[in-house]
N, C-alpha and C. Protein backbone atom coordinates (compact mmCIF):
# COMPACT_ATOMS: atom_id res chain seq x y z
N MET A 1 7.66 21.90 -5.00
CA MET A 1 6.56 21.00 -4.63
C MET A 1 5.45 21.80 -3.96
N LYS A 2 4.23 21.46 -4.28
CA LYS A 2 3.05 22.10 -3.71
C LYS A 2 3.07 21.98 -2.19
N ASP A 3 2.43 22.94 -1.53
CA ASP A 3 2.41 22.97 -0.07
C ASP A 3 1.30 22.05 0.46
N TYR A 4 1.61 20.77 0.61
CA TYR A 4 0.64 19.80 1.11
C TYR A 4 0.60 19.82 2.63
N ARG A 5 -0.54 19.42 3.16
CA ARG A 5 -0.66 19.30 4.61
C ARG A 5 -0.55 17.85 5.08
N ALA A 6 -0.64 16.91 4.13
CA ALA A 6 -0.58 15.50 4.50
C ALA A 6 -0.02 14.67 3.36
N ILE A 7 0.56 13.53 3.73
CA ILE A 7 1.01 12.53 2.77
C ILE A 7 0.39 11.20 3.16
N ILE A 8 -0.24 10.54 2.20
CA ILE A 8 -0.74 9.18 2.41
C ILE A 8 0.16 8.24 1.62
N PHE A 9 0.69 7.25 2.29
CA PHE A 9 1.57 6.27 1.65
C PHE A 9 0.83 4.97 1.39
N ASP A 10 1.02 4.42 0.20
CA ASP A 10 0.73 3.00 -0.02
C ASP A 10 1.69 2.22 0.87
N PHE A 11 1.39 0.96 1.12
CA PHE A 11 2.22 0.18 2.04
C PHE A 11 3.21 -0.73 1.31
N ASP A 12 2.67 -1.67 0.51
CA ASP A 12 3.52 -2.68 -0.12
C ASP A 12 4.46 -2.05 -1.14
N MET A 13 5.74 -2.29 -0.98
CA MET A 13 6.79 -1.83 -1.89
C MET A 13 6.90 -0.30 -1.96
N THR A 14 6.24 0.38 -1.03
CA THR A 14 6.42 1.82 -0.85
C THR A 14 7.09 2.07 0.49
N LEU A 15 6.51 1.49 1.55
CA LEU A 15 7.14 1.54 2.87
C LEU A 15 7.81 0.22 3.24
N ALA A 16 7.20 -0.88 2.82
CA ALA A 16 7.69 -2.20 3.24
C ALA A 16 7.99 -3.08 2.04
N ASP A 17 9.04 -3.88 2.17
CA ASP A 17 9.48 -4.79 1.11
C ASP A 17 8.69 -6.09 1.26
N THR A 18 7.47 -6.08 0.77
CA THR A 18 6.51 -7.14 1.08
C THR A 18 6.15 -8.06 -0.08
N ALA A 19 6.69 -7.83 -1.26
CA ALA A 19 6.24 -8.59 -2.42
C ALA A 19 6.38 -10.09 -2.20
N MET A 20 7.52 -10.54 -1.70
CA MET A 20 7.72 -11.97 -1.52
C MET A 20 6.88 -12.52 -0.36
N VAL A 21 6.62 -11.69 0.64
CA VAL A 21 5.73 -12.10 1.73
C VAL A 21 4.34 -12.39 1.18
N ILE A 22 3.85 -11.48 0.34
CA ILE A 22 2.52 -11.65 -0.25
C ILE A 22 2.47 -12.91 -1.09
N VAL A 23 3.46 -13.13 -1.93
CA VAL A 23 3.49 -14.32 -2.78
C VAL A 23 3.52 -15.59 -1.92
N THR A 24 4.31 -15.57 -0.86
CA THR A 24 4.39 -16.73 0.04
C THR A 24 3.03 -17.06 0.64
N LEU A 25 2.33 -16.04 1.14
CA LEU A 25 1.04 -16.28 1.79
C LEU A 25 -0.04 -16.64 0.78
N LEU A 26 0.01 -16.04 -0.40
CA LEU A 26 -0.95 -16.43 -1.45
C LEU A 26 -0.79 -17.91 -1.79
N ASN A 27 0.45 -18.35 -1.94
CA ASN A 27 0.70 -19.75 -2.27
C ASN A 27 0.30 -20.68 -1.13
N GLU A 28 0.51 -20.25 0.10
CA GLU A 28 0.12 -21.09 1.24
C GLU A 28 -1.40 -21.27 1.28
N VAL A 29 -2.12 -20.20 1.05
CA VAL A 29 -3.58 -20.29 1.03
C VAL A 29 -4.04 -21.13 -0.16
N ALA A 30 -3.40 -20.95 -1.31
CA ALA A 30 -3.75 -21.76 -2.49
C ALA A 30 -3.58 -23.25 -2.19
N GLU A 31 -2.45 -23.60 -1.59
CA GLU A 31 -2.21 -25.00 -1.24
C GLU A 31 -3.25 -25.52 -0.26
N GLU A 32 -3.60 -24.69 0.70
CA GLU A 32 -4.58 -25.09 1.70
C GLU A 32 -5.93 -25.44 1.06
N PHE A 33 -6.24 -24.78 -0.06
CA PHE A 33 -7.50 -25.03 -0.76
C PHE A 33 -7.32 -26.05 -1.91
N GLY A 34 -6.14 -26.66 -1.98
CA GLY A 34 -5.95 -27.74 -2.93
C GLY A 34 -5.37 -27.37 -4.27
N TYR A 35 -4.82 -26.16 -4.40
CA TYR A 35 -4.23 -25.72 -5.67
C TYR A 35 -2.70 -25.80 -5.57
N PRO A 36 -2.02 -26.03 -6.68
CA PRO A 36 -0.55 -26.08 -6.65
C PRO A 36 0.03 -24.68 -6.46
N ARG A 37 1.25 -24.64 -5.93
CA ARG A 37 1.95 -23.36 -5.77
C ARG A 37 2.33 -22.81 -7.14
N MET A 38 2.32 -21.51 -7.26
CA MET A 38 2.74 -20.84 -8.49
C MET A 38 4.17 -20.35 -8.30
N PRO A 39 5.05 -20.53 -9.29
CA PRO A 39 6.41 -20.00 -9.17
C PRO A 39 6.40 -18.51 -8.86
N GLU A 40 7.35 -18.08 -8.05
CA GLU A 40 7.37 -16.70 -7.59
C GLU A 40 7.36 -15.69 -8.73
N LYS A 41 8.16 -15.94 -9.76
CA LYS A 41 8.25 -14.96 -10.85
C LYS A 41 6.95 -14.83 -11.62
N GLU A 42 6.11 -15.86 -11.58
CA GLU A 42 4.81 -15.79 -12.24
C GLU A 42 3.76 -15.10 -11.37
N ALA A 43 3.94 -15.17 -10.06
CA ALA A 43 2.98 -14.56 -9.14
C ALA A 43 3.26 -13.08 -8.89
N LEU A 44 4.51 -12.68 -8.95
CA LEU A 44 4.89 -11.31 -8.60
C LEU A 44 4.15 -10.22 -9.40
N PRO A 45 3.93 -10.39 -10.72
CA PRO A 45 3.29 -9.29 -11.47
C PRO A 45 1.90 -8.91 -10.99
N VAL A 46 1.22 -9.79 -10.28
CA VAL A 46 -0.16 -9.49 -9.86
C VAL A 46 -0.21 -8.87 -8.46
N VAL A 47 0.93 -8.82 -7.76
CA VAL A 47 0.98 -8.22 -6.43
C VAL A 47 0.59 -6.75 -6.53
N GLY A 48 -0.32 -6.34 -5.67
CA GLY A 48 -0.78 -4.96 -5.69
C GLY A 48 -2.22 -4.82 -6.11
N TYR A 49 -2.77 -5.89 -6.69
CA TYR A 49 -4.18 -5.87 -7.07
C TYR A 49 -5.03 -6.37 -5.91
N GLY A 50 -6.35 -6.42 -6.10
CA GLY A 50 -7.24 -6.89 -5.06
C GLY A 50 -7.00 -8.34 -4.70
N HIS A 51 -7.45 -8.73 -3.51
CA HIS A 51 -7.19 -10.09 -3.02
C HIS A 51 -7.78 -11.15 -3.95
N GLU A 52 -9.00 -10.94 -4.40
CA GLU A 52 -9.61 -11.93 -5.30
C GLU A 52 -8.84 -12.04 -6.62
N ILE A 53 -8.37 -10.91 -7.12
CA ILE A 53 -7.62 -10.91 -8.37
C ILE A 53 -6.31 -11.69 -8.19
N MET A 54 -5.61 -11.44 -7.10
CA MET A 54 -4.35 -12.15 -6.85
C MET A 54 -4.59 -13.64 -6.68
N LEU A 55 -5.61 -14.00 -5.91
CA LEU A 55 -5.88 -15.42 -5.67
C LEU A 55 -6.35 -16.12 -6.94
N SER A 56 -7.13 -15.43 -7.76
CA SER A 56 -7.57 -16.01 -9.02
C SER A 56 -6.37 -16.26 -9.93
N HIS A 57 -5.43 -15.32 -9.95
CA HIS A 57 -4.23 -15.46 -10.78
C HIS A 57 -3.39 -16.66 -10.32
N VAL A 58 -3.20 -16.77 -9.01
CA VAL A 58 -2.33 -17.83 -8.47
C VAL A 58 -2.98 -19.20 -8.62
N THR A 59 -4.30 -19.29 -8.47
CA THR A 59 -4.96 -20.60 -8.48
C THR A 59 -5.61 -20.94 -9.82
N GLY A 60 -5.91 -19.92 -10.62
CA GLY A 60 -6.66 -20.15 -11.85
C GLY A 60 -8.15 -20.25 -11.61
N GLU A 61 -8.58 -20.08 -10.35
CA GLU A 61 -9.99 -20.22 -10.00
C GLU A 61 -10.78 -18.99 -10.46
N LYS A 62 -12.00 -19.22 -10.97
CA LYS A 62 -12.87 -18.13 -11.42
C LYS A 62 -14.19 -18.07 -10.66
N ASP A 63 -14.50 -19.11 -9.90
CA ASP A 63 -15.77 -19.15 -9.19
C ASP A 63 -15.78 -18.11 -8.06
N PRO A 64 -16.70 -17.14 -8.10
CA PRO A 64 -16.72 -16.07 -7.09
C PRO A 64 -16.87 -16.58 -5.66
N LYS A 65 -17.66 -17.62 -5.46
CA LYS A 65 -17.86 -18.13 -4.10
C LYS A 65 -16.59 -18.75 -3.55
N LYS A 66 -15.87 -19.50 -4.39
CA LYS A 66 -14.62 -20.10 -3.94
C LYS A 66 -13.58 -19.01 -3.67
N LEU A 67 -13.53 -18.00 -4.55
CA LEU A 67 -12.58 -16.91 -4.36
C LEU A 67 -12.88 -16.13 -3.09
N HIS A 68 -14.16 -15.96 -2.78
CA HIS A 68 -14.54 -15.26 -1.55
C HIS A 68 -14.05 -16.02 -0.33
N ARG A 69 -14.21 -17.35 -0.33
CA ARG A 69 -13.75 -18.15 0.80
C ARG A 69 -12.23 -18.06 0.93
N MET A 70 -11.53 -18.13 -0.20
CA MET A 70 -10.07 -18.01 -0.15
C MET A 70 -9.65 -16.62 0.31
N ARG A 71 -10.38 -15.61 -0.13
CA ARG A 71 -10.06 -14.24 0.29
C ARG A 71 -10.17 -14.08 1.80
N GLU A 72 -11.25 -14.63 2.38
CA GLU A 72 -11.43 -14.51 3.82
C GLU A 72 -10.33 -15.25 4.57
N ARG A 73 -9.90 -16.40 4.06
CA ARG A 73 -8.80 -17.13 4.69
C ARG A 73 -7.48 -16.37 4.54
N TYR A 74 -7.27 -15.78 3.36
CA TYR A 74 -6.05 -15.01 3.13
C TYR A 74 -5.99 -13.82 4.09
N ARG A 75 -7.09 -13.15 4.29
CA ARG A 75 -7.10 -12.01 5.21
C ARG A 75 -6.83 -12.45 6.64
N GLN A 76 -7.37 -13.62 7.02
CA GLN A 76 -7.10 -14.15 8.35
C GLN A 76 -5.60 -14.43 8.53
N VAL A 77 -5.01 -15.06 7.51
CA VAL A 77 -3.57 -15.36 7.56
C VAL A 77 -2.77 -14.06 7.64
N CYS A 78 -3.17 -13.05 6.88
CA CYS A 78 -2.47 -11.76 6.92
C CYS A 78 -2.51 -11.16 8.32
N ARG A 79 -3.69 -11.17 8.93
CA ARG A 79 -3.82 -10.59 10.28
C ARG A 79 -2.94 -11.32 11.28
N GLU A 80 -2.87 -12.65 11.12
CA GLU A 80 -2.13 -13.46 12.09
C GLU A 80 -0.62 -13.41 11.89
N ARG A 81 -0.17 -13.36 10.63
CA ARG A 81 1.25 -13.60 10.38
C ARG A 81 2.03 -12.41 9.82
N MET A 82 1.34 -11.51 9.13
CA MET A 82 2.07 -10.44 8.47
C MET A 82 2.84 -9.51 9.41
N PRO A 83 2.30 -9.16 10.58
CA PRO A 83 3.08 -8.27 11.44
C PRO A 83 4.48 -8.78 11.75
N ASP A 84 4.62 -10.10 11.88
CA ASP A 84 5.94 -10.67 12.18
C ASP A 84 6.80 -10.87 10.93
N MET A 85 6.19 -10.83 9.76
CA MET A 85 6.93 -11.09 8.53
C MET A 85 7.39 -9.83 7.82
N MET A 86 6.86 -8.67 8.21
CA MET A 86 7.15 -7.43 7.50
C MET A 86 8.62 -7.03 7.63
N VAL A 87 9.15 -6.54 6.54
CA VAL A 87 10.49 -5.95 6.53
C VAL A 87 10.36 -4.58 5.88
N TYR A 88 10.62 -3.54 6.67
CA TYR A 88 10.53 -2.18 6.14
C TYR A 88 11.84 -1.79 5.47
N PHE A 89 11.73 -0.95 4.44
CA PHE A 89 12.94 -0.41 3.83
C PHE A 89 13.69 0.40 4.90
N SER A 90 15.01 0.32 4.87
CA SER A 90 15.81 0.83 5.98
C SER A 90 15.67 2.34 6.22
N ASP A 91 15.33 3.09 5.18
CA ASP A 91 15.22 4.55 5.34
C ASP A 91 13.85 4.99 5.84
N VAL A 92 12.89 4.07 5.94
CA VAL A 92 11.52 4.45 6.26
C VAL A 92 11.36 5.01 7.68
N PRO A 93 11.88 4.39 8.73
CA PRO A 93 11.65 4.94 10.07
C PRO A 93 12.11 6.39 10.22
N ASP A 94 13.31 6.70 9.81
CA ASP A 94 13.80 8.07 9.95
C ASP A 94 13.02 9.02 9.07
N SER A 95 12.63 8.58 7.88
CA SER A 95 11.88 9.43 6.96
C SER A 95 10.51 9.79 7.54
N LEU A 96 9.82 8.81 8.11
CA LEU A 96 8.52 9.09 8.72
C LEU A 96 8.67 10.03 9.91
N ARG A 97 9.71 9.81 10.69
CA ARG A 97 9.94 10.68 11.85
C ARG A 97 10.14 12.12 11.41
N ARG A 98 10.98 12.33 10.40
CA ARG A 98 11.26 13.69 9.91
C ARG A 98 10.00 14.36 9.36
N LEU A 99 9.22 13.61 8.59
CA LEU A 99 8.00 14.17 8.03
C LEU A 99 7.00 14.54 9.13
N LYS A 100 6.91 13.70 10.14
CA LYS A 100 6.01 13.98 11.26
C LYS A 100 6.48 15.22 12.02
N GLU A 101 7.76 15.33 12.27
CA GLU A 101 8.30 16.49 12.97
C GLU A 101 8.13 17.77 12.17
N GLU A 102 8.02 17.64 10.85
CA GLU A 102 7.79 18.79 9.99
C GLU A 102 6.35 19.31 10.12
N GLY A 103 5.49 18.51 10.77
CA GLY A 103 4.12 18.94 10.99
C GLY A 103 3.11 18.37 10.01
N LEU A 104 3.54 17.46 9.16
CA LEU A 104 2.63 16.83 8.20
C LEU A 104 1.79 15.74 8.86
N LEU A 105 0.54 15.62 8.44
CA LEU A 105 -0.24 14.45 8.80
C LEU A 105 0.18 13.31 7.88
N LEU A 106 0.27 12.11 8.43
CA LEU A 106 0.72 10.95 7.65
C LEU A 106 -0.33 9.85 7.72
N GLY A 107 -0.57 9.22 6.57
CA GLY A 107 -1.49 8.11 6.51
C GLY A 107 -0.90 6.92 5.78
N VAL A 108 -1.48 5.76 6.01
CA VAL A 108 -1.12 4.54 5.28
C VAL A 108 -2.41 3.96 4.72
N LEU A 109 -2.41 3.69 3.42
CA LEU A 109 -3.56 3.09 2.75
C LEU A 109 -3.12 1.80 2.09
N SER A 110 -3.83 0.71 2.39
CA SER A 110 -3.46 -0.58 1.82
C SER A 110 -4.68 -1.47 1.71
N GLN A 111 -4.57 -2.48 0.87
CA GLN A 111 -5.61 -3.49 0.77
C GLN A 111 -5.40 -4.61 1.79
N LYS A 112 -4.41 -4.46 2.65
CA LYS A 112 -4.22 -5.41 3.73
C LYS A 112 -5.27 -5.16 4.83
N PRO A 113 -5.57 -6.18 5.64
CA PRO A 113 -6.45 -5.98 6.78
C PRO A 113 -5.89 -4.92 7.72
N HIS A 114 -6.78 -4.13 8.32
CA HIS A 114 -6.37 -3.06 9.22
C HIS A 114 -5.47 -3.59 10.33
N ALA A 115 -5.84 -4.74 10.90
CA ALA A 115 -5.07 -5.29 12.02
C ALA A 115 -3.65 -5.66 11.61
N ALA A 116 -3.48 -6.15 10.38
CA ALA A 116 -2.15 -6.50 9.90
C ALA A 116 -1.30 -5.26 9.75
N LEU A 117 -1.90 -4.18 9.25
CA LEU A 117 -1.16 -2.93 9.08
C LEU A 117 -0.78 -2.32 10.42
N SER A 118 -1.78 -2.11 11.28
CA SER A 118 -1.51 -1.47 12.56
C SER A 118 -0.59 -2.31 13.43
N GLY A 119 -0.77 -3.64 13.40
CA GLY A 119 0.09 -4.51 14.18
C GLY A 119 1.53 -4.45 13.72
N SER A 120 1.74 -4.40 12.41
CA SER A 120 3.10 -4.31 11.87
C SER A 120 3.73 -2.97 12.21
N LEU A 121 2.99 -1.89 12.02
CA LEU A 121 3.53 -0.57 12.34
C LEU A 121 3.87 -0.46 13.82
N GLU A 122 3.02 -1.00 14.68
CA GLU A 122 3.27 -0.97 16.12
C GLU A 122 4.50 -1.79 16.48
N LYS A 123 4.60 -2.98 15.89
CA LYS A 123 5.71 -3.88 16.21
C LYS A 123 7.05 -3.25 15.87
N HIS A 124 7.10 -2.47 14.80
CA HIS A 124 8.35 -1.88 14.35
C HIS A 124 8.53 -0.42 14.79
N GLY A 125 7.68 0.03 15.71
CA GLY A 125 7.83 1.35 16.29
C GLY A 125 7.45 2.50 15.38
N LEU A 126 6.63 2.24 14.36
CA LEU A 126 6.29 3.27 13.38
C LEU A 126 4.88 3.82 13.55
N TYR A 127 4.07 3.17 14.35
CA TYR A 127 2.68 3.60 14.51
C TYR A 127 2.59 5.01 15.08
N GLN A 128 3.59 5.40 15.87
CA GLN A 128 3.59 6.72 16.51
C GLN A 128 3.63 7.86 15.49
N TYR A 129 4.07 7.56 14.26
CA TYR A 129 4.18 8.61 13.24
C TYR A 129 2.94 8.69 12.34
N ILE A 130 2.06 7.71 12.43
CA ILE A 130 0.95 7.59 11.48
C ILE A 130 -0.35 8.07 12.13
N ASP A 131 -1.02 8.99 11.45
CA ASP A 131 -2.27 9.54 11.96
C ASP A 131 -3.48 8.73 11.55
N VAL A 132 -3.46 8.16 10.35
CA VAL A 132 -4.62 7.43 9.84
C VAL A 132 -4.15 6.16 9.13
N VAL A 133 -4.68 5.03 9.54
CA VAL A 133 -4.45 3.74 8.87
C VAL A 133 -5.76 3.31 8.23
N THR A 134 -5.72 3.03 6.93
CA THR A 134 -6.92 2.61 6.21
C THR A 134 -6.64 1.26 5.55
N GLY A 135 -7.29 0.22 6.05
CA GLY A 135 -7.13 -1.13 5.51
C GLY A 135 -8.33 -1.53 4.67
N CYS A 136 -8.35 -2.79 4.26
CA CYS A 136 -9.36 -3.25 3.31
C CYS A 136 -10.77 -3.20 3.89
N GLU A 137 -10.91 -3.31 5.23
CA GLU A 137 -12.25 -3.29 5.82
C GLU A 137 -12.77 -1.87 6.02
N ASP A 138 -11.89 -0.89 5.87
CA ASP A 138 -12.25 0.49 6.19
C ASP A 138 -12.79 1.27 4.99
N ALA A 139 -12.67 0.70 3.80
CA ALA A 139 -13.09 1.39 2.58
C ALA A 139 -14.21 0.60 1.89
N PRO A 140 -15.06 1.29 1.13
CA PRO A 140 -16.18 0.60 0.47
C PRO A 140 -15.77 -0.36 -0.62
N ALA A 141 -14.61 -0.15 -1.23
CA ALA A 141 -14.14 -1.03 -2.31
C ALA A 141 -12.62 -0.92 -2.41
N HIS A 142 -12.02 -1.87 -3.13
CA HIS A 142 -10.56 -1.91 -3.27
C HIS A 142 -10.07 -0.90 -4.30
N LYS A 143 -8.80 -0.54 -4.19
CA LYS A 143 -8.16 0.25 -5.24
C LYS A 143 -8.32 -0.49 -6.58
N PRO A 144 -8.55 0.23 -7.69
CA PRO A 144 -8.46 1.68 -7.88
C PRO A 144 -9.71 2.47 -7.52
N ASP A 145 -10.68 1.88 -6.85
CA ASP A 145 -11.78 2.67 -6.33
C ASP A 145 -11.21 3.73 -5.39
N PRO A 146 -11.67 4.99 -5.47
CA PRO A 146 -11.08 6.06 -4.67
C PRO A 146 -11.52 6.08 -3.22
N GLY A 147 -12.43 5.15 -2.84
CA GLY A 147 -13.02 5.20 -1.50
C GLY A 147 -12.01 5.24 -0.37
N GLY A 148 -10.95 4.44 -0.46
CA GLY A 148 -9.96 4.40 0.61
C GLY A 148 -9.28 5.75 0.82
N LEU A 149 -8.91 6.40 -0.27
CA LEU A 149 -8.29 7.72 -0.16
C LEU A 149 -9.26 8.74 0.41
N LEU A 150 -10.51 8.67 -0.01
CA LEU A 150 -11.50 9.63 0.47
C LEU A 150 -11.82 9.39 1.95
N VAL A 151 -11.86 8.13 2.37
CA VAL A 151 -12.04 7.81 3.79
C VAL A 151 -10.87 8.38 4.60
N SER A 152 -9.66 8.22 4.08
CA SER A 152 -8.47 8.73 4.77
C SER A 152 -8.51 10.25 4.87
N ALA A 153 -8.89 10.91 3.78
CA ALA A 153 -8.96 12.37 3.77
C ALA A 153 -9.96 12.88 4.80
N ARG A 154 -11.12 12.23 4.87
CA ARG A 154 -12.14 12.64 5.85
C ARG A 154 -11.63 12.45 7.28
N ALA A 155 -10.92 11.33 7.52
CA ALA A 155 -10.38 11.08 8.86
C ALA A 155 -9.34 12.13 9.25
N MET A 156 -8.64 12.67 8.26
CA MET A 156 -7.65 13.71 8.51
C MET A 156 -8.28 15.10 8.61
N GLY A 157 -9.53 15.21 8.17
CA GLY A 157 -10.19 16.50 8.18
C GLY A 157 -9.66 17.44 7.11
N LEU A 158 -9.20 16.87 5.98
CA LEU A 158 -8.58 17.67 4.93
C LEU A 158 -9.33 17.50 3.62
N GLU A 159 -9.15 18.49 2.74
CA GLU A 159 -9.64 18.39 1.38
C GLU A 159 -8.64 17.59 0.55
N ARG A 160 -9.11 17.00 -0.53
CA ARG A 160 -8.23 16.13 -1.33
C ARG A 160 -7.05 16.87 -1.94
N ASP A 161 -7.20 18.17 -2.22
CA ASP A 161 -6.09 18.92 -2.82
C ASP A 161 -5.02 19.30 -1.82
N GLN A 162 -5.22 18.93 -0.56
CA GLN A 162 -4.22 19.19 0.48
C GLN A 162 -3.35 17.97 0.75
N ILE A 163 -3.59 16.89 0.01
CA ILE A 163 -2.94 15.61 0.29
C ILE A 163 -2.20 15.10 -0.94
N LEU A 164 -1.02 14.53 -0.70
CA LEU A 164 -0.26 13.82 -1.74
C LEU A 164 -0.30 12.34 -1.43
N PHE A 165 -0.66 11.53 -2.43
CA PHE A 165 -0.64 10.08 -2.29
C PHE A 165 0.61 9.54 -2.96
N VAL A 166 1.36 8.70 -2.25
CA VAL A 166 2.61 8.13 -2.76
C VAL A 166 2.44 6.62 -2.87
N GLY A 167 2.63 6.06 -4.07
CA GLY A 167 2.49 4.63 -4.26
C GLY A 167 3.38 4.12 -5.37
N ASP A 168 3.54 2.80 -5.43
CA ASP A 168 4.50 2.19 -6.36
C ASP A 168 3.86 1.54 -7.57
N HIS A 169 2.54 1.54 -7.67
CA HIS A 169 1.85 0.69 -8.64
C HIS A 169 0.92 1.54 -9.50
N LEU A 170 0.66 1.07 -10.72
CA LEU A 170 -0.30 1.76 -11.58
C LEU A 170 -1.69 1.82 -10.94
N VAL A 171 -2.02 0.82 -10.14
CA VAL A 171 -3.29 0.85 -9.42
C VAL A 171 -3.33 2.05 -8.47
N ASP A 172 -2.20 2.37 -7.84
CA ASP A 172 -2.14 3.53 -6.96
C ASP A 172 -2.34 4.82 -7.75
N GLN A 173 -1.71 4.91 -8.90
CA GLN A 173 -1.87 6.08 -9.76
C GLN A 173 -3.34 6.29 -10.12
N GLU A 174 -4.00 5.22 -10.52
CA GLU A 174 -5.39 5.34 -10.94
C GLU A 174 -6.32 5.59 -9.75
N THR A 175 -5.95 5.12 -8.58
CA THR A 175 -6.73 5.41 -7.38
C THR A 175 -6.69 6.90 -7.07
N ALA A 176 -5.49 7.48 -7.14
CA ALA A 176 -5.35 8.92 -6.90
C ALA A 176 -6.11 9.72 -7.95
N ARG A 177 -6.00 9.30 -9.19
CA ARG A 177 -6.69 10.02 -10.27
C ARG A 177 -8.21 10.00 -10.03
N ALA A 178 -8.73 8.82 -9.65
CA ALA A 178 -10.17 8.70 -9.41
C ALA A 178 -10.62 9.54 -8.22
N ALA A 179 -9.72 9.72 -7.26
CA ALA A 179 -10.05 10.51 -6.07
C ALA A 179 -9.84 12.00 -6.28
N GLY A 180 -9.26 12.38 -7.42
CA GLY A 180 -8.95 13.79 -7.65
C GLY A 180 -7.84 14.27 -6.75
N MET A 181 -6.88 13.40 -6.48
CA MET A 181 -5.79 13.69 -5.55
C MET A 181 -4.46 13.62 -6.27
N ASP A 182 -3.50 14.43 -5.86
CA ASP A 182 -2.18 14.41 -6.48
C ASP A 182 -1.46 13.11 -6.13
N PHE A 183 -0.56 12.70 -7.05
CA PHE A 183 0.10 11.40 -6.91
C PHE A 183 1.60 11.53 -7.19
N ALA A 184 2.39 10.85 -6.38
CA ALA A 184 3.83 10.71 -6.61
C ALA A 184 4.15 9.23 -6.67
N ALA A 185 5.01 8.85 -7.61
CA ALA A 185 5.35 7.43 -7.82
C ALA A 185 6.60 7.05 -7.07
N MET A 186 6.52 5.94 -6.33
CA MET A 186 7.67 5.37 -5.65
C MET A 186 8.20 4.22 -6.50
N LEU A 187 9.42 4.33 -6.95
CA LEU A 187 9.97 3.37 -7.92
C LEU A 187 10.73 2.24 -7.23
N ARG A 188 10.10 1.63 -6.25
CA ARG A 188 10.69 0.49 -5.54
C ARG A 188 10.02 -0.83 -5.93
N GLY A 189 8.88 -0.76 -6.60
CA GLY A 189 8.15 -1.96 -6.96
C GLY A 189 8.49 -2.43 -8.35
N ILE A 190 7.58 -3.20 -8.94
CA ILE A 190 7.83 -3.78 -10.26
C ILE A 190 7.47 -2.82 -11.38
N THR A 191 6.72 -1.74 -11.07
CA THR A 191 6.31 -0.79 -12.10
C THR A 191 7.45 0.16 -12.41
N GLN A 192 7.80 0.25 -13.69
CA GLN A 192 8.91 1.08 -14.12
C GLN A 192 8.45 2.52 -14.36
N ARG A 193 9.37 3.45 -14.29
CA ARG A 193 9.05 4.87 -14.43
C ARG A 193 8.28 5.16 -15.72
N GLU A 194 8.69 4.55 -16.82
CA GLU A 194 8.06 4.84 -18.11
C GLU A 194 6.63 4.30 -18.20
N GLN A 195 6.23 3.44 -17.27
CA GLN A 195 4.87 2.92 -17.28
C GLN A 195 3.86 3.89 -16.66
N PHE A 196 4.34 4.79 -15.83
CA PHE A 196 3.47 5.78 -15.21
C PHE A 196 3.13 6.88 -16.22
N ASP A 197 2.08 7.62 -15.92
CA ASP A 197 1.65 8.74 -16.76
C ASP A 197 2.46 9.98 -16.38
N PRO A 198 3.43 10.40 -17.20
CA PRO A 198 4.29 11.53 -16.82
C PRO A 198 3.54 12.85 -16.73
N GLY A 199 2.39 12.92 -17.39
CA GLY A 199 1.60 14.13 -17.31
C GLY A 199 0.77 14.24 -16.04
N TYR A 200 0.70 13.13 -15.30
CA TYR A 200 -0.11 13.12 -14.08
C TYR A 200 0.75 13.04 -12.82
N VAL A 201 1.83 12.28 -12.86
CA VAL A 201 2.67 12.08 -11.68
C VAL A 201 3.36 13.39 -11.30
N ARG A 202 3.19 13.80 -10.06
CA ARG A 202 3.78 15.05 -9.59
C ARG A 202 5.28 14.93 -9.35
N GLN A 203 5.72 13.75 -8.92
CA GLN A 203 7.14 13.55 -8.60
C GLN A 203 7.44 12.05 -8.62
N PHE A 204 8.68 11.72 -8.94
CA PHE A 204 9.15 10.34 -8.87
C PHE A 204 10.16 10.23 -7.74
N TYR A 205 10.02 9.18 -6.93
CA TYR A 205 10.95 8.93 -5.83
C TYR A 205 11.48 7.50 -5.94
N TYR A 206 12.71 7.32 -5.48
CA TYR A 206 13.30 5.99 -5.43
C TYR A 206 13.34 5.45 -4.00
N LYS A 207 13.14 6.31 -3.02
CA LYS A 207 13.12 5.88 -1.63
C LYS A 207 12.42 6.93 -0.78
N ALA A 208 11.97 6.50 0.40
CA ALA A 208 11.25 7.41 1.29
C ALA A 208 12.12 8.57 1.75
N GLN A 209 13.41 8.33 1.83
CA GLN A 209 14.33 9.40 2.24
C GLN A 209 14.21 10.61 1.33
N GLU A 210 13.97 10.38 0.04
CA GLU A 210 13.84 11.49 -0.90
C GLU A 210 12.58 12.31 -0.62
N VAL A 211 11.52 11.63 -0.17
CA VAL A 211 10.30 12.34 0.21
C VAL A 211 10.59 13.26 1.39
N ALA A 212 11.27 12.71 2.41
CA ALA A 212 11.61 13.51 3.58
C ALA A 212 12.50 14.69 3.22
N GLU A 213 13.47 14.45 2.35
CA GLU A 213 14.38 15.53 1.97
C GLU A 213 13.64 16.65 1.26
N GLU A 214 12.64 16.31 0.47
CA GLU A 214 11.90 17.33 -0.27
C GLU A 214 11.00 18.15 0.62
N PHE A 215 10.38 17.48 1.61
CA PHE A 215 9.44 18.18 2.47
C PHE A 215 10.10 18.77 3.72
N CYS A 216 11.31 18.37 4.01
CA CYS A 216 11.99 18.83 5.24
C CYS A 216 13.31 19.51 4.87
N GLU A 217 13.25 20.44 3.95
CA GLU A 217 14.47 21.04 3.41
C GLU A 217 15.27 21.82 4.43
N ASN A 218 14.61 22.31 5.47
CA ASN A 218 15.29 23.19 6.42
C ASN A 218 15.73 22.50 7.70
N ASP A 219 15.55 21.15 7.78
CA ASP A 219 15.96 20.53 9.05
C ASP A 219 17.42 20.10 9.00
């Protein structure tokens, strides 16, 4: 593996088992605006896309103004409730600790509100390992726009070729590609290994522990 100085992790289904949390909150916001709930199995495939895209899928709404209002309410709900609803994969705390002790800078990039991310990491004792948190308000546009990764890289004071981005979704792959950054796929989400671009993905992981084992070989 290349000698990286930092790892930026996607959040949903990379560090935290959040797919059902997202579907639950999307449906709650949809109901609040008068739309019927969507069955979980129909909503899950859209998890990982932008807020307007997810809400449009769940509600069938196409009007940009209505979607904007729903998006703002969804973000409010995320800030208020997500920190208490998050469930991290069991290997994540120790893996982040080991990577941090190895001297790597660590970041989290997500389309969630910054407060929801930082509040959740703090609540579960993980904020101490993270150098940069980049939420939806911190970047000029949503993934696959590269802005979030580039904002994170600048905050770390690093060049893009010094950073590995780890994510579970094709949107994450395309975000890294657009940013000119190396990418590793985390196979915990709904995206299967064969769906990723094998010529672009630097490494495939099934859990965060494997990332720590690769970067902390001598501990």
